């Protein structure tokens, strides 16, 4: 199970995507994925075992559960991502076997 230090490492790996626009989004997460298109990431945060990808007006909460994983600019063989975010120049973030939720409340209120 990913713990605090590995979540902080993930946050640091995702920081280069801050202020980048999502060009494509896909996956089997039970969220409105098309709502992510053309949205700019405003911040990357972590809280406990959660990775938070912030946009204007909402945040994606990623929890890697027991066996979750991620790949940046590469893909896992024979695995469909729970959530894939694609950016210009072919850059992408893939999350596998994780819980994905959209938070619409301000993070300070949660």
PDB file of N, CA and C in Angstrom:
ATOM      1  N   UNK A   1       0.850  -1.175   0.000  1.00  0.00           N
ATOM      2  CA  UNK A   1       0.000   0.000   0.000  1.00  0.00           C
ATOM      3  C   UNK A   1       0.895   1.238   0.000  1.00  0.00           C
ATOM      4  N   UNK A   2       0.686   2.138  -0.939  1.00  0.00           N
ATOM      5  CA  UNK A   2       1.467   3.376  -0.951  1.00  0.00           C
ATOM      6  C   UNK A   2       1.219   4.179   0.327  1.00  0.00           C
ATOM      7  N   UNK A   3       2.288   4.587   0.922  1.00  0.00           N
ATOM      8  CA  UNK A   3       2.227   5.355   2.172  1.00  0.00           C
ATOM      9  C   UNK A   3       2.733   6.772   1.934  1.00  0.00           C
ATOM     10  N   UNK A   4       2.841   7.548   2.997  1.00  0.00           N
ATOM     11  CA  UNK A   4       3.231   8.954   2.933  1.00  0.00           C
ATOM     12  C   UNK A   4       4.405   9.273   2.031  1.00  0.00           C
ATOM     13  N   UNK A   5       5.595   8.649   2.254  1.00  0.00           N
ATOM     14  CA  UNK A   5       6.755   9.011   1.426  1.00  0.00           C
ATOM     15  C   UNK A   5       6.534   8.756  -0.072  1.00  0.00           C
ATOM     16  N   UNK A   6       5.887   7.655  -0.427  1.00  0.00           N
ATOM     17  CA  UNK A   6       5.680   7.379  -1.851  1.00  0.00           C
ATOM     18  C   UNK A   6       4.651   8.337  -2.455  1.00  0.00           C
ATOM     19  N   UNK A   7       3.704   8.797  -1.659  1.00  0.00           N
ATOM     20  CA  UNK A   7       2.725   9.775  -2.155  1.00  0.00           C
ATOM     21  C   UNK A   7       3.408  11.126  -2.377  1.00  0.00           C
ATOM     22  N   UNK A   8       4.335  11.476  -1.510  1.00  0.00           N
ATOM     23  CA  UNK A   8       5.086  12.735  -1.686  1.00  0.00           C
ATOM     24  C   UNK A   8       5.964  12.654  -2.935  1.00  0.00           C
ATOM     25  N   UNK A   9       6.564  11.490  -3.174  1.00  0.00           N
ATOM     26  CA  UNK A   9       7.363  11.299  -4.395  1.00  0.00           C
ATOM     27  C   UNK A   9       6.467  11.458  -5.619  1.00  0.00           C
ATOM     28  N   UNK A  10       5.279  10.854  -5.589  1.00  0.00           N
ATOM     29  CA  UNK A  10       4.339  10.996  -6.702  1.00  0.00           C
ATOM     30  C   UNK A  10       3.987  12.459  -6.918  1.00  0.00           C
ATOM     31  N   UNK A  11       3.701  13.162  -5.853  1.00  0.00           N
ATOM     32  CA  UNK A  11       3.379  14.588  -5.965  1.00  0.00           C
ATOM     33  C   UNK A  11       4.510  15.339  -6.654  1.00  0.00           C
ATOM     34  N   UNK A  12       5.735  15.076  -6.252  1.00  0.00           N
ATOM     35  CA  UNK A  12       6.888  15.757  -6.856  1.00  0.00           C
ATOM     36  C   UNK A  12       7.039  15.405  -8.332  1.00  0.00           C
ATOM     37  N   UNK A  13       6.754  14.149  -8.689  1.00  0.00           N
ATOM     38  CA  UNK A  13       6.836  13.737 -10.092  1.00  0.00           C
ATOM     39  C   UNK A  13       5.752  14.392 -10.947  1.00  0.00           C
ATOM     40  N   UNK A  14       4.623  14.715 -10.322  1.00  0.00           N
ATOM     41  CA  UNK A  14       3.515  15.334 -11.053  1.00  0.00           C
ATOM     42  C   UNK A  14       3.637  16.856 -11.163  1.00  0.00           C
ATOM     43  N   UNK A  15       4.478  17.479 -10.337  1.00  0.00           N
ATOM     44  CA  UNK A  15       4.578  18.945 -10.344  1.00  0.00           C
ATOM     45  C   UNK A  15       4.910  19.544 -11.714  1.00  0.00           C
ATOM     46  N   UNK A  16       5.703  18.883 -12.573  1.00  0.00           N
ATOM     47  CA  UNK A  16       5.936  19.468 -13.907  1.00  0.00           C
ATOM     48  C   UNK A  16       4.659  19.606 -14.753  1.00  0.00           C
ATOM     49  N   UNK A  17       3.580  18.936 -14.373  1.00  0.00           N
ATOM     50  CA  UNK A  17       2.318  19.046 -15.105  1.00  0.00           C
ATOM     51  C   UNK A  17       1.464  20.220 -14.619  1.00  0.00           C
ATOM     52  N   UNK A  18       1.909  20.876 -13.564  1.00  0.00           N
ATOM     53  CA  UNK A  18       1.195  22.055 -13.074  1.00  0.00           C
ATOM     54  C   UNK A  18       1.193  23.120 -14.169  1.00  0.00           C
ATOM     55  N   UNK A  19       0.046  23.771 -14.343  1.00  0.00           N
ATOM     56  CA  UNK A  19      -0.184  24.793 -15.370  1.00  0.00           C
ATOM     57  C   UNK A  19      -0.214  24.229 -16.783  1.00  0.00           C
ATOM     58  N   UNK A  20      -0.370  22.917 -16.919  1.00  0.00           N
ATOM     59  CA  UNK A  20      -0.492  22.272 -18.233  1.00  0.00           C
ATOM     60  C   UNK A  20      -1.955  21.942 -18.488  1.00  0.00           C
ATOM     61  N   UNK A  21      -2.354  21.987 -19.747  1.00  0.00           N
ATOM     62  CA  UNK A  21      -3.735  21.716 -20.153  1.00  0.00           C
ATOM     63  C   UNK A  21      -3.890  20.252 -20.541  1.00  0.00           C
ATOM     64  N   UNK A  22      -4.958  19.624 -20.065  1.00  0.00           N
ATOM     65  CA  UNK A  22      -5.284  18.241 -20.412  1.00  0.00           C
ATOM     66  C   UNK A  22      -5.833  18.235 -21.842  1.00  0.00           C
ATOM     67  N   UNK A  23      -5.131  17.565 -22.743  1.00  0.00           N
ATOM     68  CA  UNK A  23      -5.539  17.508 -24.153  1.00  0.00           C
ATOM     69  C   UNK A  23      -6.472  16.328 -24.417  1.00  0.00           C
ATOM     70  N   UNK A  24      -6.326  15.249 -23.640  1.00  0.00           N
ATOM     71  CA  UNK A  24      -7.191  14.074 -23.774  1.00  0.00           C
ATOM     72  C   UNK A  24      -7.250  13.391 -22.420  1.00  0.00           C
ATOM     73  N   UNK A  25      -8.353  12.726 -22.160  1.00  0.00           N
ATOM     74  CA  UNK A  25      -8.530  11.988 -20.908  1.00  0.00           C
ATOM     75  C   UNK A  25      -9.323  10.725 -21.217  1.00  0.00           C
ATOM     76  N   UNK A  26      -8.951   9.633 -20.555  1.00  0.00           N
ATOM     77  CA  UNK A  26      -9.655   8.369 -20.767  1.00  0.00           C
ATOM     78  C   UNK A  26      -9.485   7.498 -19.537  1.00  0.00           C
ATOM     79  N   UNK A  27     -10.087   6.327 -19.577  1.00  0.00           N
ATOM     80  CA  UNK A  27      -9.997   5.382 -18.476  1.00  0.00           C
ATOM     81  C   UNK A  27     -11.375   4.919 -18.047  1.00  0.00           C
ATOM     82  N   UNK A  28     -11.387   3.994 -17.102  1.00  0.00           N
ATOM     83  CA  UNK A  28     -12.663   3.435 -16.651  1.00  0.00           C
ATOM     84  C   UNK A  28     -13.118   3.997 -15.300  1.00  0.00           C
ATOM     85  N   UNK A  29     -12.472   5.043 -14.821  1.00  0.00           N
ATOM     86  CA  UNK A  29     -12.905   5.689 -13.570  1.00  0.00           C
ATOM     87  C   UNK A  29     -14.349   6.154 -13.714  1.00  0.00           C
ATOM     88  N   UNK A  30     -15.091   6.049 -12.642  1.00  0.00           N
ATOM     89  CA  UNK A  30     -16.509   6.423 -12.664  1.00  0.00           C
ATOM     90  C   UNK A  30     -16.679   7.906 -12.356  1.00  0.00           C
ATOM     91  N   UNK A  31     -16.084   8.700 -13.236  1.00  0.00           N
ATOM     92  CA  UNK A  31     -16.212  10.158 -13.162  1.00  0.00           C
ATOM     93  C   UNK A  31     -16.553  10.646 -14.566  1.00  0.00           C
ATOM     94  N   UNK A  32     -16.926  11.897 -14.674  1.00  0.00           N
ATOM     95  CA  UNK A  32     -17.202  12.485 -15.981  1.00  0.00           C
ATOM     96  C   UNK A  32     -15.869  12.887 -16.608  1.00  0.00           C
ATOM     97  N   UNK A  33     -15.238  11.941 -17.283  1.00  0.00           N
ATOM     98  CA  UNK A  33     -13.885  12.140 -17.819  1.00  0.00           C
ATOM     99  C   UNK A  33     -13.855  13.260 -18.854  1.00  0.00           C
ATOM    100  N   UNK A  34     -14.893  13.387 -19.649  1.00  0.00           N
ATOM    101  CA  UNK A  34     -14.880  14.426 -20.692  1.00  0.00           C
ATOM    102  C   UNK A  34     -14.827  15.831 -20.093  1.00  0.00           C
ATOM    103  N   UNK A  35     -15.195  15.973 -18.818  1.00  0.00           N
ATOM    104  CA  UNK A  35     -15.124  17.263 -18.135  1.00  0.00           C
ATOM    105  C   UNK A  35     -13.680  17.728 -17.912  1.00  0.00           C
ATOM    106  N   UNK A  36     -12.712  16.820 -18.069  1.00  0.00           N
ATOM    107  CA  UNK A  36     -11.311  17.162 -17.849  1.00  0.00           C
ATOM    108  C   UNK A  36     -10.649  17.774 -19.084  1.00  0.00           C
ATOM    109  N   UNK A  37     -11.264  17.593 -20.247  1.00  0.00           N
ATOM    110  CA  UNK A  37     -10.672  18.076 -21.490  1.00  0.00           C
ATOM    111  C   UNK A  37     -10.489  19.586 -21.489  1.00  0.00           C
ATOM    112  N   UNK A  38      -9.321  20.003 -21.927  1.00  0.00           N
ATOM    113  CA  UNK A  38      -8.960  21.420 -22.061  1.00  0.00           C
ATOM    114  C   UNK A  38      -8.935  22.178 -20.738  1.00  0.00           C
ATOM    115  N   UNK A  39      -8.883  21.449 -19.629  1.00  0.00           N
ATOM    116  CA  UNK A  39      -8.767  22.100 -18.316  1.00  0.00           C
ATOM    117  C   UNK A  39      -7.288  22.143 -17.923  1.00  0.00           C
ATOM    118  N   UNK A  40      -6.901  23.223 -17.263  1.00  0.00           N
ATOM    119  CA  UNK A  40      -5.517  23.407 -16.845  1.00  0.00           C
ATOM    120  C   UNK A  40      -5.345  22.986 -15.384  1.00  0.00           C
ATOM    121  N   UNK A  41      -4.316  22.204 -15.125  1.00  0.00           N
ATOM    122  CA  UNK A  41      -3.991  21.812 -13.750  1.00  0.00           C
ATOM    123  C   UNK A  41      -3.443  23.040 -13.035  1.00  0.00           C
ATOM    124  N   UNK A  42      -4.064  23.393 -11.921  1.00  0.00           N
ATOM    125  CA  UNK A  42      -3.641  24.586 -11.178  1.00  0.00           C
ATOM    126  C   UNK A  42      -2.692  24.262 -10.033  1.00  0.00           C
ATOM    127  N   UNK A  43      -2.756  23.009  -9.537  1.00  0.00           N
ATOM    128  CA  UNK A  43      -1.869  22.640  -8.433  1.00  0.00           C
ATOM    129  C   UNK A  43      -1.874  21.127  -8.275  1.00  0.00           C
ATOM    130  N   UNK A  44      -0.834  20.620  -7.647  1.00  0.00           N
ATOM    131  CA  UNK A  44      -0.726  19.214  -7.262  1.00  0.00           C
ATOM    132  C   UNK A  44      -0.490  19.206  -5.755  1.00  0.00           C
ATOM    133  N   UNK A  45      -1.324  18.463  -5.030  1.00  0.00           N
ATOM    134  CA  UNK A  45      -1.198  18.404  -3.576  1.00  0.00           C
ATOM    135  C   UNK A  45      -1.289  16.956  -3.116  1.00  0.00           C
ATOM    136  N   UNK A  46      -0.905  16.733  -1.890  1.00  0.00           N
ATOM    137  CA  UNK A  46      -1.115  15.419  -1.282  1.00  0.00           C
ATOM    138  C   UNK A  46      -1.685  15.640   0.109  1.00  0.00           C
ATOM    139  N   UNK A  47      -2.445  14.654   0.546  1.00  0.00           N
ATOM    140  CA  UNK A  47      -3.033  14.704   1.880  1.00  0.00           C
ATOM    141  C   UNK A  47      -3.176  13.261   2.326  1.00  0.00           C
ATOM    142  N   UNK A  48      -2.405  12.876   3.318  1.00  0.00           N
ATOM    143  CA  UNK A  48      -2.433  11.492   3.775  1.00  0.00           C
ATOM    144  C   UNK A  48      -2.061  10.559   2.641  1.00  0.00           C
ATOM    145  N   UNK A  49      -2.951   9.647   2.302  1.00  0.00           N
ATOM    146  CA  UNK A  49      -2.707   8.684   1.221  1.00  0.00           C
ATOM    147  C   UNK A  49      -3.356   9.117  -0.092  1.00  0.00           C
ATOM    148  N   UNK A  50      -3.738  10.389  -0.185  1.00  0.00           N
ATOM    149  CA  UNK A  50      -4.428  10.911  -1.364  1.00  0.00           C
ATOM    150  C   UNK A  50      -3.511  11.836  -2.151  1.00  0.00           C
ATOM    151  N   UNK A  51      -3.555  11.692  -3.464  1.00  0.00           N
ATOM    152  CA  UNK A  51      -2.919  12.643  -4.368  1.00  0.00           C
ATOM    153  C   UNK A  51      -4.034  13.486  -4.953  1.00  0.00           C
ATOM    154  N   UNK A  52      -3.847  14.792  -4.944  1.00  0.00           N
ATOM    155  CA  UNK A  52      -4.878  15.724  -5.380  1.00  0.00           C
ATOM    156  C   UNK A  52      -4.385  16.507  -6.588  1.00  0.00           C
ATOM    157  N   UNK A  53      -5.115  16.391  -7.692  1.00  0.00           N
ATOM    158  CA  UNK A  53      -4.806  17.133  -8.908  1.00  0.00           C
ATOM    159  C   UNK A  53      -5.866  18.219  -9.023  1.00  0.00           C
ATOM    160  N   UNK A  54      -5.445  19.457  -8.815  1.00  0.00           N
ATOM    161  CA  UNK A  54      -6.381  20.576  -8.701  1.00  0.00           C
ATOM    162  C   UNK A  54      -6.581  21.286 -10.039  1.00  0.00           C
ATOM    163  N   UNK A  55      -7.842  21.633 -10.296  1.00  0.00           N
ATOM    164  CA  UNK A  55      -8.253  22.424 -11.448  1.00  0.00           C
ATOM    165  C   UNK A  55      -9.092  23.572 -10.907  1.00  0.00           C
ATOM    166  N   UNK A  56      -9.417  24.547 -11.740  1.00  0.00           N
ATOM    167  CA  UNK A  56     -10.331  25.607 -11.305  1.00  0.00           C
ATOM    168  C   UNK A  56     -11.711  25.011 -11.097  1.00  0.00           C
ATOM    169  N   UNK A  57     -12.221  25.054  -9.881  1.00  0.00           N
ATOM    170  CA  UNK A  57     -13.575  24.609  -9.590  1.00  0.00           C
ATOM    171  C   UNK A  57     -13.720  23.168  -9.126  1.00  0.00           C
ATOM    172  N   UNK A  58     -12.687  22.347  -9.280  1.00  0.00           N
ATOM    173  CA  UNK A  58     -12.766  20.959  -8.815  1.00  0.00           C
ATOM    174  C   UNK A  58     -11.367  20.368  -8.668  1.00  0.00           C
ATOM    175  N   UNK A  59     -11.319  19.232  -7.992  1.00  0.00           N
ATOM    176  CA  UNK A  59     -10.063  18.520  -7.754  1.00  0.00           C
ATOM    177  C   UNK A  59     -10.295  17.041  -8.008  1.00  0.00           C
ATOM    178  N   UNK A  60      -9.324  16.388  -8.615  1.00  0.00           N
ATOM    179  CA  UNK A  60      -9.362  14.935  -8.750  1.00  0.00           C
ATOM    180  C   UNK A  60      -8.603  14.356  -7.569  1.00  0.00           C
ATOM    181  N   UNK A  61      -9.258  13.466  -6.826  1.00  0.00           N
ATOM    182  CA  UNK A  61      -8.597  12.777  -5.713  1.00  0.00           C
ATOM    183  C   UNK A  61      -8.257  11.364  -6.179  1.00  0.00           C
ATOM    184  N   UNK A  62      -6.979  11.019  -6.080  1.00  0.00           N
ATOM    185  CA  UNK A  62      -6.493   9.685  -6.437  1.00  0.00           C
ATOM    186  C   UNK A  62      -6.061   8.977  -5.159  1.00  0.00           C
ATOM    187  N   UNK A  63      -6.596   7.795  -4.931  1.00  0.00           N
ATOM    188  CA  UNK A  63      -6.159   6.946  -3.813  1.00  0.00           C
ATOM    189  C   UNK A  63      -5.695   5.634  -4.434  1.00  0.00           C
ATOM    190  N   UNK A  64      -4.424   5.285  -4.239  1.00  0.00           N
ATOM    191  CA  UNK A  64      -3.842   4.120  -4.895  1.00  0.00           C
ATOM    192  C   UNK A  64      -4.221   2.793  -4.244  1.00  0.00           C
ATOM    193  N   UNK A  65      -5.029   2.824  -3.199  1.00  0.00           N
ATOM    194  CA  UNK A  65      -5.531   1.606  -2.557  1.00  0.00           C
ATOM    195  C   UNK A  65      -4.372   0.658  -2.183  1.00  0.00           C
ATOM    196  N   UNK A  66      -4.618  -0.641  -2.240  1.00  0.00           N
ATOM    197  CA  UNK A  66      -3.595  -1.626  -1.871  1.00  0.00           C
ATOM    198  C   UNK A  66      -2.585  -1.887  -2.989  1.00  0.00           C
ATOM    199  N   UNK A  67      -3.069  -1.934  -4.224  1.00  0.00           N
ATOM    200  CA  UNK A  67      -2.211  -2.363  -5.323  1.00  0.00           C
ATOM    201  C   UNK A  67      -2.132  -1.341  -6.447  1.00  0.00           C
ATOM    202  N   UNK A  68      -2.526  -0.117  -6.186  1.00  0.00           N
ATOM    203  CA  UNK A  68      -2.507   0.910  -7.223  1.00  0.00           C
ATOM    204  C   UNK A  68      -1.100   1.285  -7.631  1.00  0.00           C
ATOM    205  N   UNK A  69      -1.005   1.805  -8.835  1.00  0.00           N
ATOM    206  CA  UNK A  69       0.301   2.239  -9.346  1.00  0.00           C
ATOM    207  C   UNK A  69       0.072   3.351 -10.365  1.00  0.00           C
ATOM    208  N   UNK A  70       1.157   3.900 -10.839  1.00  0.00           N
ATOM    209  CA  UNK A  70       1.096   4.964 -11.837  1.00  0.00           C
ATOM    210  C   UNK A  70       2.298   4.833 -12.756  1.00  0.00           C
ATOM    211  N   UNK A  71       2.181   5.411 -13.917  1.00  0.00           N
ATOM    212  CA  UNK A  71       3.275   5.506 -14.871  1.00  0.00           C
ATOM    213  C   UNK A  71       3.197   6.896 -15.489  1.00  0.00           C
ATOM    214  N   UNK A  72       4.336   7.540 -15.593  1.00  0.00           N
ATOM    215  CA  UNK A  72       4.411   8.848 -16.221  1.00  0.00           C
ATOM    216  C   UNK A  72       5.180   8.695 -17.525  1.00  0.00           C
ATOM    217  N   UNK A  73       4.527   9.068 -18.615  1.00  0.00           N
ATOM    218  CA  UNK A  73       5.086   8.980 -19.965  1.00  0.00           C
ATOM    219  C   UNK A  73       5.449   7.558 -20.375  1.00  0.00           C
ATOM    220  N   UNK A  74       4.789   6.595 -19.793  1.00  0.00           N
ATOM    221  CA  UNK A  74       4.911   5.198 -20.197  1.00  0.00           C
ATOM    222  C   UNK A  74       3.653   4.472 -19.754  1.00  0.00           C
ATOM    223  N   UNK A  75       3.503   3.240 -20.204  1.00  0.00           N
ATOM    224  CA  UNK A  75       2.299   2.481 -19.878  1.00  0.00           C
ATOM    225  C   UNK A  75       2.658   1.107 -19.361  1.00  0.00           C
ATOM    226  N   UNK A  76       1.779   0.564 -18.559  1.00  0.00           N
ATOM    227  CA  UNK A  76       1.901  -0.802 -18.076  1.00  0.00           C
ATOM    228  C   UNK A  76       1.428  -1.738 -19.169  1.00  0.00           C
ATOM    229  N   UNK A  77       2.168  -2.804 -19.406  1.00  0.00           N
ATOM    230  CA  UNK A  77       1.747  -3.770 -20.411  1.00  0.00           C
ATOM    231  C   UNK A  77       0.491  -4.499 -19.958  1.00  0.00           C
ATOM    232  N   UNK A  78      -0.406  -4.710 -20.897  1.00  0.00           N
ATOM    233  CA  UNK A  78      -1.617  -5.496 -20.667  1.00  0.00           C
ATOM    234  C   UNK A  78      -2.465  -4.971 -19.511  1.00  0.00           C
ATOM    235  N   UNK A  79      -2.506  -3.669 -19.353  1.00  0.00           N
ATOM    236  CA  UNK A  79      -3.318  -3.084 -18.276  1.00  0.00           C
ATOM    237  C   UNK A  79      -4.014  -1.831 -18.802  1.00  0.00           C
ATOM    238  N   UNK A  80      -5.280  -1.704 -18.481  1.00  0.00           N
ATOM    239  CA  UNK A  80      -6.035  -0.496 -18.829  1.00  0.00           C
ATOM    240  C   UNK A  80      -5.959   0.468 -17.658  1.00  0.00           C
ATOM    241  N   UNK A  81      -5.640   1.724 -17.925  1.00  0.00           N
ATOM    242  CA  UNK A  81      -5.571   2.677 -16.819  1.00  0.00           C
ATOM    243  C   UNK A  81      -6.955   3.030 -16.280  1.00  0.00           C
ATOM    244  N   UNK A  82      -6.995   3.223 -14.986  1.00  0.00           N
ATOM    245  CA  UNK A  82      -8.209   3.746 -14.366  1.00  0.00           C
ATOM    246  C   UNK A  82      -8.434   5.168 -14.863  1.00  0.00           C
ATOM    247  N   UNK A  83      -7.345   5.927 -14.956  1.00  0.00           N
ATOM    248  CA  UNK A  83      -7.412   7.292 -15.471  1.00  0.00           C
ATOM    249  C   UNK A  83      -6.122   7.596 -16.220  1.00  0.00           C
ATOM    250  N   UNK A  84      -6.282   8.122 -17.425  1.00  0.00           N
ATOM    251  CA  UNK A  84      -5.139   8.583 -18.224  1.00  0.00           C
ATOM    252  C   UNK A  84      -5.379  10.041 -18.576  1.00  0.00           C
ATOM    253  N   UNK A  85      -4.398  10.877 -18.275  1.00  0.00           N
ATOM    254  CA  UNK A  85      -4.422  12.282 -18.666  1.00  0.00           C
ATOM    255  C   UNK A  85      -3.308  12.487 -19.682  1.00  0.00           C
ATOM    256  N   UNK A  86      -3.652  13.053 -20.833  1.00  0.00           N
ATOM    257  CA  UNK A  86      -2.670  13.276 -21.883  1.00  0.00           C
ATOM    258  C   UNK A  86      -2.481  14.768 -22.105  1.00  0.00           C
ATOM    259  N   UNK A  87      -1.236  15.121 -22.407  1.00  0.00           N
ATOM    260  CA  UNK A  87      -0.847  16.512 -22.582  1.00  0.00           C
ATOM    261  C   UNK A  87      -0.171  16.668 -23.943  1.00  0.00           C
ATOM    262  N   UNK A  88       0.243  17.874 -24.262  1.00  0.00           N
ATOM    263  CA  UNK A  88       0.920  18.094 -25.532  1.00  0.00           C
ATOM    264  C   UNK A  88       2.245  17.333 -25.559  1.00  0.00           C
ATOM    265  N   UNK A  89       2.770  17.144 -26.733  1.00  0.00           N
ATOM    266  CA  UNK A  89       4.057  16.461 -26.952  1.00  0.00           C
ATOM    267  C   UNK A  89       4.015  14.998 -26.509  1.00  0.00           C
ATOM    268  N   UNK A  90       2.834  14.402 -26.451  1.00  0.00           N
ATOM    269  CA  UNK A  90       2.717  12.991 -26.117  1.00  0.00           C
ATOM    270  C   UNK A  90       2.923  12.652 -24.652  1.00  0.00           C
ATOM    271  N   UNK A  91       3.027  13.651 -23.797  1.00  0.00           N
ATOM    272  CA  UNK A  91       3.212  13.381 -22.372  1.00  0.00           C
ATOM    273  C   UNK A  91       1.900  12.901 -21.771  1.00  0.00           C
ATOM    274  N   UNK A  92       2.000  11.997 -20.790  1.00  0.00           N
ATOM    275  CA  UNK A  92       0.791  11.437 -20.191  1.00  0.00           C
ATOM    276  C   UNK A  92       1.062  10.929 -18.776  1.00  0.00           C
ATOM    277  N   UNK A  93      -0.017  10.876 -18.027  1.00  0.00           N
ATOM    278  CA  UNK A  93      -0.008  10.300 -16.681  1.00  0.00           C
ATOM    279  C   UNK A  93      -1.024   9.166 -16.693  1.00  0.00           C
ATOM    280  N   UNK A  94      -0.623   7.991 -16.260  1.00  0.00           N
ATOM    281  CA  UNK A  94      -1.510   6.835 -16.181  1.00  0.00           C
ATOM    282  C   UNK A  94      -1.601   6.369 -14.735  1.00  0.00           C
ATOM    283  N   UNK A  95      -2.831   6.209 -14.241  1.00  0.00           N
ATOM    284  CA  UNK A  95      -3.077   5.658 -12.910  1.00  0.00           C
ATOM    285  C   UNK A  95      -3.780   4.318 -13.081  1.00  0.00           C
ATOM    286  N   UNK A  96      -3.316   3.301 -12.340  1.00  0.00           N
ATOM    287  CA  UNK A  96      -3.860   1.952 -12.449  1.00  0.00           C
ATOM    288  C   UNK A  96      -4.379   1.476 -11.099  1.00  0.00           C
ATOM    289  N   UNK A  97      -5.459   0.716 -11.120  1.00  0.00           N
ATOM    290  CA  UNK A  97      -6.029   0.059  -9.946  1.00  0.00           C
ATOM    291  C   UNK A  97      -6.124   1.018  -8.758  1.00  0.00           C
ATOM    292  N   UNK A  98      -6.838   2.092  -8.960  1.00  0.00           N
ATOM    293  CA  UNK A  98      -6.942   3.110  -7.914  1.00  0.00           C
ATOM    294  C   UNK A  98      -8.371   3.632  -7.843  1.00  0.00           C
ATOM    295  N   UNK A  99      -8.658   4.350  -6.779  1.00  0.00           N
ATOM    296  CA  UNK A  99      -9.952   5.022  -6.618  1.00  0.00           C
ATOM    297  C   UNK A  99      -9.792   6.466  -7.085  1.00  0.00           C
ATOM    298  N   UNK A 100     -10.713   6.896  -7.924  1.00  0.00           N
ATOM    299  CA  UNK A 100     -10.680   8.256  -8.464  1.00  0.00           C
ATOM    300  C   UNK A 100     -12.010   8.918  -8.119  1.00  0.00           C
ATOM    301  N   UNK A 101     -11.929  10.113  -7.587  1.00  0.00           N
ATOM    302  CA  UNK A 101     -13.145  10.844  -7.226  1.00  0.00           C
ATOM    303  C   UNK A 101     -12.952  12.312  -7.567  1.00  0.00           C
ATOM    304  N   UNK A 102     -14.028  12.944  -7.993  1.00  0.00           N
ATOM    305  CA  UNK A 102     -14.020  14.392  -8.229  1.00  0.00           C
ATOM    306  C   UNK A 102     -14.528  15.078  -6.963  1.00  0.00           C
ATOM    307  N   UNK A 103     -13.755  16.017  -6.470  1.00  0.00           N
ATOM    308  CA  UNK A 103     -14.153  16.827  -5.317  1.00  0.00           C
ATOM    309  C   UNK A 103     -14.506  18.211  -5.828  1.00  0.00           C
ATOM    310  N   UNK A 104     -15.726  18.647  -5.592  1.00  0.00           N
ATOM    311  CA  UNK A 104     -16.145  19.957  -6.055  1.00  0.00           C
ATOM    312  C   UNK A 104     -16.111  21.001  -4.943  1.00  0.00           C
ATOM    313  N   UNK A 105     -16.021  20.539  -3.701  1.00  0.00           N
ATOM    314  CA  UNK A 105     -15.944  21.462  -2.577  1.00  0.00           C
ATOM    315  C   UNK A 105     -14.521  22.022  -2.489  1.00  0.00           C
ATOM    316  N   UNK A 106     -14.369  23.232  -1.937  1.00  0.00           N
ATOM    317  CA  UNK A 106     -13.030  23.759  -1.682  1.00  0.00           C
ATOM    318  C   UNK A 106     -12.277  22.805  -0.739  1.00  0.00           C
ATOM    319  N   UNK A 107     -11.010  22.541  -1.043  1.00  0.00           N
ATOM    320  CA  UNK A 107     -10.243  21.581  -0.239  1.00  0.00           C
ATOM    321  C   UNK A 107     -10.146  21.987   1.221  1.00  0.00           C
ATOM    322  N   UNK A 108     -10.112  23.273   1.508  1.00  0.00           N
ATOM    323  CA  UNK A 108     -10.036  23.714   2.905  1.00  0.00           C
ATOM    324  C   UNK A 108     -11.301  23.368   3.691  1.00  0.00           C
ATOM    325  N   UNK A 109     -12.409  23.140   2.987  1.00  0.00           N
ATOM    326  CA  UNK A 109     -13.666  22.801   3.656  1.00  0.00           C
ATOM    327  C   UNK A 109     -13.806  21.302   3.937  1.00  0.00           C
ATOM    328  N   UNK A 110     -12.954  20.506   3.329  1.00  0.00           N
ATOM    329  CA  UNK A 110     -13.088  19.047   3.468  1.00  0.00           C
ATOM    330  C   UNK A 110     -12.284  18.551   4.655  1.00  0.00           C
TER     331      UNK A 110
END
